PDB file of N, CA and C in Angstrom:
ATOM      1  N   MET A   1      96.400 158.295 107.095  1.00  0.00           N
ATOM      2  CA  MET A   1      97.092 158.241 105.781  1.00  0.00           C
ATOM      3  C   MET A   1      98.226 157.257 105.823  1.00  0.00           C
ATOM      4  N   LYS A   2      98.331 156.391 104.898  1.00  0.00           N
ATOM      5  CA  LYS A   2      99.496 155.395 104.846  1.00  0.00           C
ATOM      6  C   LYS A   2     100.729 156.173 104.428  1.00  0.00           C
ATOM      7  N   LYS A   3     101.841 155.827 105.040  1.00  0.00           N
ATOM      8  CA  LYS A   3     103.105 156.499 104.872  1.00  0.00           C
ATOM      9  C   LYS A   3     103.520 156.279 103.388  1.00  0.00           C
ATOM     10  N   ASP A   4     103.206 155.075 102.798  1.00  0.00           N
ATOM     11  CA  ASP A   4     103.712 154.825 101.492  1.00  0.00           C
ATOM     12  C   ASP A   4     102.679 154.827 100.499  1.00  0.00           C
ATOM     13  N   SER A   5     101.746 155.757 100.542  1.00  0.00           N
ATOM     14  CA  SER A   5     100.736 155.855  99.506  1.00  0.00           C
ATOM     15  C   SER A   5     101.397 156.275  98.191  1.00  0.00           C
ATOM     16  N   SER A   6     100.707 155.871  97.072  1.00  0.00           N
ATOM     17  CA  SER A   6     101.247 156.126  95.762  1.00  0.00           C
ATOM     18  C   SER A   6     101.261 157.625  95.434  1.00  0.00           C
ATOM     19  N   ALA A   7     100.308 158.452  96.053  1.00  0.00           N
ATOM     20  CA  ALA A   7     100.300 159.848  95.840  1.00  0.00           C
ATOM     21  C   ALA A   7     101.572 160.470  96.509  1.00  0.00           C
ATOM     22  N   GLU A   8     101.864 159.964  97.732  1.00  0.00           N
ATOM     23  CA  GLU A   8     103.127 160.509  98.417  1.00  0.00           C
ATOM     24  C   GLU A   8     104.343 160.108  97.725  1.00  0.00           C
ATOM     25  N   LYS A   9     104.420 158.836  97.251  1.00  0.00           N
ATOM     26  CA  LYS A   9     105.645 158.488  96.520  1.00  0.00           C
ATOM     27  C   LYS A   9     105.768 159.360  95.208  1.00  0.00           C
ATOM     28  N   SER A  10     104.684 159.602  94.519  1.00  0.00           N
ATOM     29  CA  SER A  10     104.760 160.383  93.343  1.00  0.00           C
ATOM     30  C   SER A  10     105.222 161.786  93.717  1.00  0.00           C
ATOM     31  N   PHE A  11     104.707 162.437  94.744  1.00  0.00           N
ATOM     32  CA  PHE A  11     105.080 163.768  95.145  1.00  0.00           C
ATOM     33  C   PHE A  11     106.597 163.673  95.586  1.00  0.00           C
ATOM     34  N   PHE A  12     107.045 162.689  96.326  1.00  0.00           N
ATOM     35  CA  PHE A  12     108.416 162.670  96.704  1.00  0.00           C
ATOM     36  C   PHE A  12     109.311 162.583  95.484  1.00  0.00           C
ATOM     37  N   GLU A  13     108.934 161.681  94.495  1.00  0.00           N
ATOM     38  CA  GLU A  13     109.689 161.572  93.217  1.00  0.00           C
ATOM     39  C   GLU A  13     109.774 162.911  92.446  1.00  0.00           C
ATOM     40  N   ASP A  14     108.571 163.600  92.431  1.00  0.00           N
ATOM     41  CA  ASP A  14     108.598 164.937  91.854  1.00  0.00           C
ATOM     42  C   ASP A  14     109.640 165.839  92.419  1.00  0.00           C
ATOM     43  N   VAL A  15     109.620 165.883  93.842  1.00  0.00           N
ATOM     44  CA  VAL A  15     110.634 166.652  94.556  1.00  0.00           C
ATOM     45  C   VAL A  15     112.051 166.219  94.231  1.00  0.00           C
ATOM     46  N   TYR A  16     112.316 164.936  94.195  1.00  0.00           N
ATOM     47  CA  TYR A  16     113.604 164.461  93.910  1.00  0.00           C
ATOM     48  C   TYR A  16     114.034 164.892  92.551  1.00  0.00           C
ATOM     49  N   GLU A  17     113.189 164.827  91.509  1.00  0.00           N
ATOM     50  CA  GLU A  17     113.497 165.263  90.184  1.00  0.00           C
ATOM     51  C   GLU A  17     113.932 166.724  90.211  1.00  0.00           C
ATOM     52  N   VAL A  18     113.219 167.619  90.992  1.00  0.00           N
ATOM     53  CA  VAL A  18     113.620 169.070  90.979  1.00  0.00           C
ATOM     54  C   VAL A  18     114.998 169.191  91.786  1.00  0.00           C
ATOM     55  N   VAL A  19     115.173 168.569  92.866  1.00  0.00           N
ATOM     56  CA  VAL A  19     116.398 168.638  93.593  1.00  0.00           C
ATOM     57  C   VAL A  19     117.556 168.172  92.856  1.00  0.00           C
ATOM     58  N   ARG A  20     117.448 167.135  92.024  1.00  0.00           N
ATOM     59  CA  ARG A  20     118.536 166.676  91.224  1.00  0.00           C
ATOM     60  C   ARG A  20     118.956 167.725  90.151  1.00  0.00           C
ATOM     61  N   LEU A  21     118.121 168.668  89.883  1.00  0.00           N
ATOM     62  CA  LEU A  21     118.431 169.722  88.954  1.00  0.00           C
ATOM     63  C   LEU A  21     119.210 170.995  89.490  1.00  0.00           C
ATOM     64  N   ILE A  22     119.260 171.012  90.834  1.00  0.00           N
ATOM     65  CA  ILE A  22     119.950 172.098  91.514  1.00  0.00           C
ATOM     66  C   ILE A  22     121.352 171.992  91.130  1.00  0.00           C
ATOM     67  N   PRO A  23     121.976 172.981  90.552  1.00  0.00           N
ATOM     68  CA  PRO A  23     123.431 172.909  90.147  1.00  0.00           C
ATOM     69  C   PRO A  23     124.334 172.840  91.378  1.00  0.00           C
ATOM     70  N   LYS A  24     125.413 172.237  91.173  1.00  0.00           N
ATOM     71  CA  LYS A  24     126.474 172.222  92.175  1.00  0.00           C
ATOM     72  C   LYS A  24     126.813 173.657  92.590  1.00  0.00           C
ATOM     73  N   GLY A  25     127.112 173.991  93.800  1.00  0.00           N
ATOM     74  CA  GLY A  25     127.393 175.401  94.215  1.00  0.00           C
ATOM     75  C   GLY A  25     126.101 176.260  94.420  1.00  0.00           C
ATOM     76  N   ARG A  26     125.013 175.711  94.349  1.00  0.00           N
ATOM     77  CA  ARG A  26     123.769 176.487  94.525  1.00  0.00           C
ATOM     78  C   ARG A  26     122.901 175.696  95.557  1.00  0.00           C
ATOM     79  N   VAL A  27     121.814 176.418  96.079  1.00  0.00           N
ATOM     80  CA  VAL A  27     120.916 175.805  97.041  1.00  0.00           C
ATOM     81  C   VAL A  27     119.622 176.308  96.652  1.00  0.00           C
ATOM     82  N   SER A  28     118.576 175.516  97.115  1.00  0.00           N
ATOM     83  CA  SER A  28     117.205 175.920  96.998  1.00  0.00           C
ATOM     84  C   SER A  28     116.571 175.755  98.303  1.00  0.00           C
ATOM     85  N   THR A  29     115.251 176.141  98.367  1.00  0.00           N
ATOM     86  CA  THR A  29     114.561 176.021  99.630  1.00  0.00           C
ATOM     87  C   THR A  29     113.300 175.061  99.550  1.00  0.00           C
ATOM     88  N   TYR A  30     112.887 174.624 100.614  1.00  0.00           N
ATOM     89  CA  TYR A  30     111.704 173.750 100.650  1.00  0.00           C
ATOM     90  C   TYR A  30     110.506 174.410 100.016  1.00  0.00           C
ATOM     91  N   GLY A  31     110.337 175.726 100.360  1.00  0.00           N
ATOM     92  CA  GLY A  31     109.195 176.517  99.819  1.00  0.00           C
ATOM     93  C   GLY A  31     109.316 176.715  98.358  1.00  0.00           C
ATOM     94  N   ALA A  32     110.501 177.067  97.833  1.00  0.00           N
ATOM     95  CA  ALA A  32     110.672 177.349  96.459  1.00  0.00           C
ATOM     96  C   ALA A  32     110.415 176.113  95.624  1.00  0.00           C
ATOM     97  N   ILE A  33     110.746 174.929  96.125  1.00  0.00           N
ATOM     98  CA  ILE A  33     110.483 173.647  95.484  1.00  0.00           C
ATOM     99  C   ILE A  33     108.984 173.368  95.468  1.00  0.00           C
ATOM    100  N   ALA A  34     108.374 173.566  96.609  1.00  0.00           N
ATOM    101  CA  ALA A  34     106.913 173.415  96.733  1.00  0.00           C
ATOM    102  C   ALA A  34     106.088 174.337  95.772  1.00  0.00           C
ATOM    103  N   ARG A  35     106.496 175.558  95.663  1.00  0.00           N
ATOM    104  CA  ARG A  35     105.925 176.583  94.808  1.00  0.00           C
ATOM    105  C   ARG A  35     105.967 176.038  93.318  1.00  0.00           C
ATOM    106  N   TYR A  36     107.205 175.603  92.985  1.00  0.00           N
ATOM    107  CA  TYR A  36     107.481 175.110  91.627  1.00  0.00           C
ATOM    108  C   TYR A  36     106.517 173.955  91.324  1.00  0.00           C
ATOM    109  N   LEU A  37     106.310 173.134  92.306  1.00  0.00           N
ATOM    110  CA  LEU A  37     105.527 171.911  92.011  1.00  0.00           C
ATOM    111  C   LEU A  37     103.977 172.227  92.170  1.00  0.00           C
ATOM    112  N   GLY A  38     103.711 173.550  92.369  1.00  0.00           N
ATOM    113  CA  GLY A  38     102.270 173.934  92.470  1.00  0.00           C
ATOM    114  C   GLY A  38     101.585 173.654  93.777  1.00  0.00           C
ATOM    115  N   THR A  39     102.415 173.451  94.814  1.00  0.00           N
ATOM    116  CA  THR A  39     101.849 173.197  96.122  1.00  0.00           C
ATOM    117  C   THR A  39     102.488 174.187  97.182  1.00  0.00           C
ATOM    118  N   ARG A  40     102.305 175.387  96.968  1.00  0.00           N
ATOM    119  CA  ARG A  40     102.970 176.438  97.686  1.00  0.00           C
ATOM    120  C   ARG A  40     102.940 176.231  99.242  1.00  0.00           C
ATOM    121  N   LEU A  41     101.873 175.615  99.793  1.00  0.00           N
ATOM    122  CA  LEU A  41     101.718 175.401 101.174  1.00  0.00           C
ATOM    123  C   LEU A  41     102.328 174.047 101.678  1.00  0.00           C
ATOM    124  N   SER A  42     103.067 173.334 100.720  1.00  0.00           N
ATOM    125  CA  SER A  42     103.560 172.071 101.135  1.00  0.00           C
ATOM    126  C   SER A  42     105.082 172.002 101.329  1.00  0.00           C
ATOM    127  N   ALA A  43     105.672 173.101 101.866  1.00  0.00           N
ATOM    128  CA  ALA A  43     107.079 173.092 102.099  1.00  0.00           C
ATOM    129  C   ALA A  43     107.418 172.044 103.152  1.00  0.00           C
ATOM    130  N   ARG A  44     106.554 171.757 104.043  1.00  0.00           N
ATOM    131  CA  ARG A  44     106.797 170.710 105.040  1.00  0.00           C
ATOM    132  C   ARG A  44     106.882 169.389 104.399  1.00  0.00           C
ATOM    133  N   MET A  45     106.026 169.126 103.374  1.00  0.00           N
ATOM    134  CA  MET A  45     106.055 167.864 102.674  1.00  0.00           C
ATOM    135  C   MET A  45     107.380 167.748 101.882  1.00  0.00           C
ATOM    136  N   VAL A  46     107.867 168.809 101.347  1.00  0.00           N
ATOM    137  CA  VAL A  46     109.242 168.768 100.661  1.00  0.00           C
ATOM    138  C   VAL A  46     110.285 168.372 101.731  1.00  0.00           C
ATOM    139  N   GLY A  47     110.193 168.945 102.917  1.00  0.00           N
ATOM    140  CA  GLY A  47     111.102 168.528 104.042  1.00  0.00           C
ATOM    141  C   GLY A  47     111.054 166.980 104.295  1.00  0.00           C
ATOM    142  N   TRP A  48     109.808 166.475 104.330  1.00  0.00           N
ATOM    143  CA  TRP A  48     109.629 165.020 104.612  1.00  0.00           C
ATOM    144  C   TRP A  48     110.246 164.200 103.432  1.00  0.00           C
ATOM    145  N   ALA A  49     110.180 164.726 102.263  1.00  0.00           N
ATOM    146  CA  ALA A  49     110.823 164.128 101.135  1.00  0.00           C
ATOM    147  C   ALA A  49     112.270 164.088 101.297  1.00  0.00           C
ATOM    148  N   MET A  50     112.860 165.233 101.708  1.00  0.00           N
ATOM    149  CA  MET A  50     114.324 165.300 101.869  1.00  0.00           C
ATOM    150  C   MET A  50     114.747 164.371 102.986  1.00  0.00           C
ATOM    151  N   ASN A  51     113.920 164.225 104.081  1.00  0.00           N
ATOM    152  CA  ASN A  51     114.336 163.278 105.127  1.00  0.00           C
ATOM    153  C   ASN A  51     114.366 161.805 104.614  1.00  0.00           C
ATOM    154  N   ALA A  52     113.530 161.553 103.597  1.00  0.00           N
ATOM    155  CA  ALA A  52     113.528 160.148 103.068  1.00  0.00           C
ATOM    156  C   ALA A  52     114.430 160.020 101.810  1.00  0.00           C
ATOM    157  N   ALA A  53     115.132 161.104 101.430  1.00  0.00           N
ATOM    158  CA  ALA A  53     115.933 161.075 100.160  1.00  0.00           C
ATOM    159  C   ALA A  53     117.046 160.070 100.142  1.00  0.00           C
ATOM    160  N   HIS A  54     117.548 159.675 101.278  1.00  0.00           N
ATOM    161  CA  HIS A  54     118.673 158.741 101.331  1.00  0.00           C
ATOM    162  C   HIS A  54     118.322 157.398 100.762  1.00  0.00           C
ATOM    163  N   THR A  55     117.042 157.119 100.587  1.00  0.00           N
ATOM    164  CA  THR A  55     116.667 155.856 100.014  1.00  0.00           C
ATOM    165  C   THR A  55     116.439 155.950  98.524  1.00  0.00           C
ATOM    166  N   ALA A  56     116.386 157.105  97.994  1.00  0.00           N
ATOM    167  CA  ALA A  56     116.076 157.354  96.543  1.00  0.00           C
ATOM    168  C   ALA A  56     117.272 157.006  95.651  1.00  0.00           C
ATOM    169  N   HIS A  57     116.860 156.471  94.546  1.00  0.00           N
ATOM    170  CA  HIS A  57     117.870 156.141  93.421  1.00  0.00           C
ATOM    171  C   HIS A  57     117.283 156.698  92.086  1.00  0.00           C
ATOM    172  N   PRO A  58     118.060 157.440  91.300  1.00  0.00           N
ATOM    173  CA  PRO A  58     119.408 157.883  91.607  1.00  0.00           C
ATOM    174  C   PRO A  58     119.529 158.765  92.835  1.00  0.00           C
ATOM    175  N   LYS A  59     120.729 159.055  93.191  1.00  0.00           N
ATOM    176  CA  LYS A  59     121.039 159.868  94.403  1.00  0.00           C
ATOM    177  C   LYS A  59     120.357 161.240  94.264  1.00  0.00           C
ATOM    178  N   VAL A  60     119.962 161.729  95.430  1.00  0.00           N
ATOM    179  CA  VAL A  60     119.324 163.023  95.569  1.00  0.00           C
ATOM    180  C   VAL A  60     120.343 163.907  96.358  1.00  0.00           C
ATOM    181  N   PRO A  61     120.698 165.012  95.877  1.00  0.00           N
ATOM    182  CA  PRO A  61     121.593 165.963  96.610  1.00  0.00           C
ATOM    183  C   PRO A  61     120.881 166.797  97.677  1.00  0.00           C
ATOM    184  N   ALA A  62     120.329 166.096  98.659  1.00  0.00           N
ATOM    185  CA  ALA A  62     119.524 166.760  99.649  1.00  0.00           C
ATOM    186  C   ALA A  62     120.227 167.840 100.430  1.00  0.00           C
ATOM    187  N   HIS A  63     121.476 167.842 100.450  1.00  0.00           N
ATOM    188  CA  HIS A  63     122.319 168.840 101.192  1.00  0.00           C
ATOM    189  C   HIS A  63     122.104 170.309 100.566  1.00  0.00           C
ATOM    190  N   ARG A  64     121.607 170.313  99.324  1.00  0.00           N
ATOM    191  CA  ARG A  64     121.385 171.558  98.583  1.00  0.00           C
ATOM    192  C   ARG A  64     120.050 172.198  98.872  1.00  0.00           C
ATOM    193  N   VAL A  65     119.261 171.656  99.813  1.00  0.00           N
ATOM    194  CA  VAL A  65     117.932 172.148 100.226  1.00  0.00           C
ATOM    195  C   VAL A  65     117.992 172.668 101.616  1.00  0.00           C
ATOM    196  N   VAL A  66     117.665 173.977 101.742  1.00  0.00           N
ATOM    197  CA  VAL A  66     117.771 174.620 103.104  1.00  0.00           C
ATOM    198  C   VAL A  66     116.413 175.299 103.304  1.00  0.00           C
ATOM    199  N   ASN A  67     116.282 175.922 104.531  1.00  0.00           N
ATOM    200  CA  ASN A  67     115.045 176.586 104.772  1.00  0.00           C
ATOM    201  C   ASN A  67     115.084 177.995 104.101  1.00  0.00           C
ATOM    202  N   ARG A  68     113.997 178.708 104.283  1.00  0.00           N
ATOM    203  CA  ARG A  68     113.838 180.083 103.600  1.00  0.00           C
ATOM    204  C   ARG A  68     114.844 181.119 103.945  1.00  0.00           C
ATOM    205  N   ASN A  69     115.448 180.914 105.087  1.00  0.00           N
ATOM    206  CA  ASN A  69     116.463 181.870 105.593  1.00  0.00           C
ATOM    207  C   ASN A  69     117.882 181.390 105.295  1.00  0.00           C
ATOM    208  N   GLY A  70     118.002 180.282 104.607  1.00  0.00           N
ATOM    209  CA  GLY A  70     119.359 179.804 104.305  1.00  0.00           C
ATOM    210  C   GLY A  70     119.946 178.881 105.458  1.00  0.00           C
ATOM    211  N   MET A  71     119.127 178.512 106.388  1.00  0.00           N
ATOM    212  CA  MET A  71     119.583 177.721 107.522  1.00  0.00           C
ATOM    213  C   MET A  71     119.603 176.243 107.144  1.00  0.00           C
ATOM    214  N   LEU A  72     120.546 175.542 107.699  1.00  0.00           N
ATOM    215  CA  LEU A  72     120.676 174.060 107.363  1.00  0.00           C
ATOM    216  C   LEU A  72     119.773 173.326 108.345  1.00  0.00           C
ATOM    217  N   SER A  73     118.476 173.534 108.141  1.00  0.00           N
ATOM    218  CA  SER A  73     117.464 173.023 109.067  1.00  0.00           C
ATOM    219  C   SER A  73     117.416 171.450 108.990  1.00  0.00           C
ATOM    220  N   GLY A  74     117.911 170.896 107.901  1.00  0.00           N
ATOM    221  CA  GLY A  74     117.796 169.404 107.685  1.00  0.00           C
ATOM    222  C   GLY A  74     119.111 168.695 108.104  1.00  0.00           C
ATOM    223  N   ARG A  75     120.072 169.437 108.710  1.00  0.00           N
ATOM    224  CA  ARG A  75     121.390 168.811 109.010  1.00  0.00           C
ATOM    225  C   ARG A  75     121.300 167.581 109.955  1.00  0.00           C
ATOM    226  N   HIS A  76     120.292 167.588 110.778  1.00  0.00           N
ATOM    227  CA  HIS A  76     120.252 166.390 111.751  1.00  0.00           C
ATOM    228  C   HIS A  76     119.745 165.078 111.111  1.00  0.00           C
ATOM    229  N   HIS A  77     119.297 165.206 109.851  1.00  0.00           N
ATOM    230  CA  HIS A  77     118.848 164.065 109.172  1.00  0.00           C
ATOM    231  C   HIS A  77     119.907 163.366 108.282  1.00  0.00           C
ATOM    232  N   PHE A  78     121.102 163.882 108.499  1.00  0.00           N
ATOM    233  CA  PHE A  78     122.208 163.331 107.661  1.00  0.00           C
ATOM    234  C   PHE A  78     123.020 162.333 108.673  1.00  0.00           C
ATOM    235  N   ALA A  79     123.948 161.534 108.071  1.00  0.00           N
ATOM    236  CA  ALA A  79     124.588 160.503 108.793  1.00  0.00           C
ATOM    237  C   ALA A  79     125.296 161.117 110.081  1.00  0.00           C
ATOM    238  N   THR A  80     125.908 162.297 109.914  1.00  0.00           N
ATOM    239  CA  THR A  80     126.496 163.029 111.052  1.00  0.00           C
ATOM    240  C   THR A  80     125.978 164.463 111.089  1.00  0.00           C
ATOM    241  N   PRO A  81     125.997 165.122 112.201  1.00  0.00           N
ATOM    242  CA  PRO A  81     125.444 166.462 112.197  1.00  0.00           C
ATOM    243  C   PRO A  81     126.238 167.482 111.441  1.00  0.00           C
ATOM    244  N   THR A  82     127.437 167.144 111.012  1.00  0.00           N
ATOM    245  CA  THR A  82     128.150 168.104 110.149  1.00  0.00           C
ATOM    246  C   THR A  82     128.302 167.731 108.650  1.00  0.00           C
ATOM    247  N   LEU A  83     127.718 166.604 108.341  1.00  0.00           N
ATOM    248  CA  LEU A  83     127.853 166.116 106.911  1.00  0.00           C
ATOM    249  C   LEU A  83     127.226 167.025 105.909  1.00  0.00           C
ATOM    250  N   MET A  84     126.061 167.682 106.173  1.00  0.00           N
ATOM    251  CA  MET A  84     125.452 168.557 105.273  1.00  0.00           C
ATOM    252  C   MET A  84     126.312 169.775 104.998  1.00  0.00           C
ATOM    253  N   GLU A  85     126.927 170.335 106.047  1.00  0.00           N
ATOM    254  CA  GLU A  85     127.856 171.417 105.881  1.00  0.00           C
ATOM    255  C   GLU A  85     129.056 171.010 105.064  1.00  0.00           C
ATOM    256  N   GLU A  86     129.602 169.845 105.367  1.00  0.00           N
ATOM    257  CA  GLU A  86     130.867 169.331 104.737  1.00  0.00           C
ATOM    258  C   GLU A  86     130.480 169.176 103.211  1.00  0.00           C
ATOM    259  N   LEU A  87     129.316 168.682 102.817  1.00  0.00           N
ATOM    260  CA  LEU A  87     128.953 168.408 101.389  1.00  0.00           C
ATOM    261  C   LEU A  87     128.870 169.836 100.743  1.00  0.00           C
ATOM    262  N   LEU A  88     128.273 170.713 101.415  1.00  0.00           N
ATOM    263  CA  LEU A  88     128.159 172.115 100.789  1.00  0.00           C
ATOM    264  C   LEU A  88     129.522 172.766 100.648  1.00  0.00           C
ATOM    265  N   LEU A  89     130.375 172.587 101.597  1.00  0.00           N
ATOM    266  CA  LEU A  89     131.725 173.138 101.507  1.00  0.00           C
ATOM    267  C   LEU A  89     132.479 172.595 100.345  1.00  0.00           C
ATOM    268  N   LYS A  90     132.290 171.325 100.026  1.00  0.00           N
ATOM    269  CA  LYS A  90     132.975 170.728  98.890  1.00  0.00           C
ATOM    270  C   LYS A  90     132.504 171.370  97.612  1.00  0.00           C
ATOM    271  N   GLU A  91     131.297 172.008  97.609  1.00  0.00           N
ATOM    272  CA  GLU A  91     130.835 172.746  96.462  1.00  0.00           C
ATOM    273  C   GLU A  91     131.048 174.139  96.544  1.00  0.00           C
ATOM    274  N   LYS A  92     131.948 174.604  97.412  1.00  0.00           N
ATOM    275  CA  LYS A  92     132.369 175.914  97.625  1.00  0.00           C
ATOM    276  C   LYS A  92     131.191 176.927  98.131  1.00  0.00           C
ATOM    277  N   ILE A  93     130.365 176.306  98.896  1.00  0.00           N
ATOM    278  CA  ILE A  93     129.243 177.079  99.556  1.00  0.00           C
ATOM    279  C   ILE A  93     129.632 177.177 101.043  1.00  0.00           C
ATOM    280  N   LEU A  94     129.888 178.372 101.452  1.00  0.00           N
ATOM    281  CA  LEU A  94     130.318 178.564 102.828  1.00  0.00           C
ATOM    282  C   LEU A  94     129.112 178.629 103.771  1.00  0.00           C
ATOM    283  N   VAL A  95     129.336 178.127 104.962  1.00  0.00           N
ATOM    284  CA  VAL A  95     128.318 178.151 106.010  1.00  0.00           C
ATOM    285  C   VAL A  95     128.872 178.707 107.228  1.00  0.00           C
ATOM    286  N   LYS A  96     128.188 179.578 107.860  1.00  0.00           N
ATOM    287  CA  LYS A  96     128.532 180.114 109.143  1.00  0.00           C
ATOM    288  C   LYS A  96     127.407 180.057 110.150  1.00  0.00           C
ATOM    289  N   ASN A  97     127.578 179.507 111.248  1.00  0.00           N
ATOM    290  CA  ASN A  97     126.577 179.358 112.272  1.00  0.00           C
ATOM    291  C   ASN A  97     125.363 178.697 111.655  1.00  0.00           C
ATOM    292  N   ASP A  98     125.563 177.586 110.919  1.00  0.00           N
ATOM    293  CA  ASP A  98     124.515 176.725 110.322  1.00  0.00           C
ATOM    294  C   ASP A  98     123.692 177.516 109.267  1.00  0.00           C
ATOM    295  N   LYS A  99     124.302 178.561 108.703  1.00  0.00           N
ATOM    296  CA  LYS A  99     123.503 179.394 107.678  1.00  0.00           C
ATOM    297  C   LYS A  99     124.379 179.603 106.490  1.00  0.00           C
ATOM    298  N   ILE A 100     123.842 179.616 105.287  1.00  0.00           N
ATOM    299  CA  ILE A 100     124.545 179.765 104.047  1.00  0.00           C
ATOM    300  C   ILE A 100     125.010 181.190 103.958  1.00  0.00           C
ATOM    301  N   VAL A 101     126.408 181.358 103.743  1.00  0.00           N
ATOM    302  CA  VAL A 101     126.904 182.705 103.521  1.00  0.00           C
ATOM    303  C   VAL A 101     126.531 183.198 102.133  1.00  0.00           C
ATOM    304  N   ASP A 102     126.108 184.397 102.009  1.00  0.00           N
ATOM    305  CA  ASP A 102     125.679 184.917 100.685  1.00  0.00           C
ATOM    306  C   ASP A 102     124.540 184.149 100.118  1.00  0.00           C
ATOM    307  N   PHE A 103     123.551 183.840 101.000  1.00  0.00           N
ATOM    308  CA  PHE A 103     122.460 182.973 100.624  1.00  0.00           C
ATOM    309  C   PHE A 103     121.736 183.482  99.325  1.00  0.00           C
ATOM    310  N   ALA A 104     121.482 184.811  99.275  1.00  0.00           N
ATOM    311  CA  ALA A 104     120.737 185.356  98.155  1.00  0.00           C
ATOM    312  C   ALA A 104     121.508 185.141  96.783  1.00  0.00           C
ATOM    313  N   MET A 105     122.831 185.102  96.858  1.00  0.00           N
ATOM    314  CA  MET A 105     123.585 184.781  95.624  1.00  0.00           C
ATOM    315  C   MET A 105     123.619 183.339  95.263  1.00  0.00           C
ATOM    316  N   LYS A 106     123.418 182.482  96.216  1.00  0.00           N
ATOM    317  CA  LYS A 106     123.513 181.046  96.116  1.00  0.00           C
ATOM    318  C   LYS A 106     122.180 180.472  95.762  1.00  0.00           C
ATOM    319  N   LEU A 107     121.063 181.161  95.982  1.00  0.00           N
ATOM    320  CA  LEU A 107     119.761 180.702  95.880  1.00  0.00           C
ATOM    321  C   LEU A 107     119.378 180.319  94.431  1.00  0.00           C
ATOM    322  N   TRP A 108     118.861 179.205  94.284  1.00  0.00           N
ATOM    323  CA  TRP A 108     118.443 178.625  92.954  1.00  0.00           C
ATOM    324  C   TRP A 108     116.932 178.379  93.074  1.00  0.00           C
ATOM    325  N   ASP A 109     116.035 179.204  92.391  1.00  0.00           N
ATOM    326  CA  ASP A 109     114.616 179.069  92.510  1.00  0.00           C
ATOM    327  C   ASP A 109     114.134 178.399  91.216  1.00  0.00           C
ATOM    328  N   PRO A 110     113.579 177.220  91.363  1.00  0.00           N
ATOM    329  CA  PRO A 110     113.225 176.455  90.114  1.00  0.00           C
ATOM    330  C   PRO A 110     112.090 177.188  89.284  1.00  0.00           C
ATOM    331  N   SER A 111     111.321 177.990  89.974  1.00  0.00           N
ATOM    332  CA  SER A 111     110.285 178.757  89.201  1.00  0.00           C
ATOM    333  C   SER A 111     110.879 179.798  88.294  1.00  0.00           C
ATOM    334  N   LYS A 112     112.144 180.213  88.611  1.00  0.00           N
ATOM    335  CA  LYS A 112     112.806 181.222  87.762  1.00  0.00           C
ATOM    336  C   LYS A 112     113.800 180.620  86.865  1.00  0.00           C
ATOM    337  N   GLU A 113     114.399 179.508  87.268  1.00  0.00           N
ATOM    338  CA  GLU A 113     115.464 178.893  86.612  1.00  0.00           C
ATOM    339  C   GLU A 113     115.084 177.925  85.589  1.00  0.00           C
ATOM    340  N   LEU A 114     113.901 177.254  85.768  1.00  0.00           N
ATOM    341  CA  LEU A 114     113.428 176.235  84.896  1.00  0.00           C
ATOM    342  C   LEU A 114     112.249 176.766  84.003  1.00  0.00           C
ATOM    343  N   ILE A 115     112.524 177.886  83.363  1.00  0.00           N
ATOM    344  CA  ILE A 115     111.482 178.485  82.504  1.00  0.00           C
ATOM    345  C   ILE A 115     111.680 177.888  81.079  1.00  0.00           C
TER     346      ILE A 115
END
């Protein structure tokens, strides 16, 4: 499969549109975004989209997407290993041991929020 196929670009753009809707101070998960897009088993593809988000315009707040347990699993794909946490802290989202504090309260599920 070609890395830049139009289907992949379209999926990535769909992911970016959803991620741009995550409010400041909230986070979502790869799986929740995949479910909303009707591809429940494609959480990994959402992760790939987040890894490439730095090239997207307008900007994508990729720091607001974490794994299903609230872990900052994508932190190594940022310019520095601490940038993801720093961006979350600016939005009043606390992180301890690379995990969102009060994750259930901060979780934004597009399937529930975008009704």
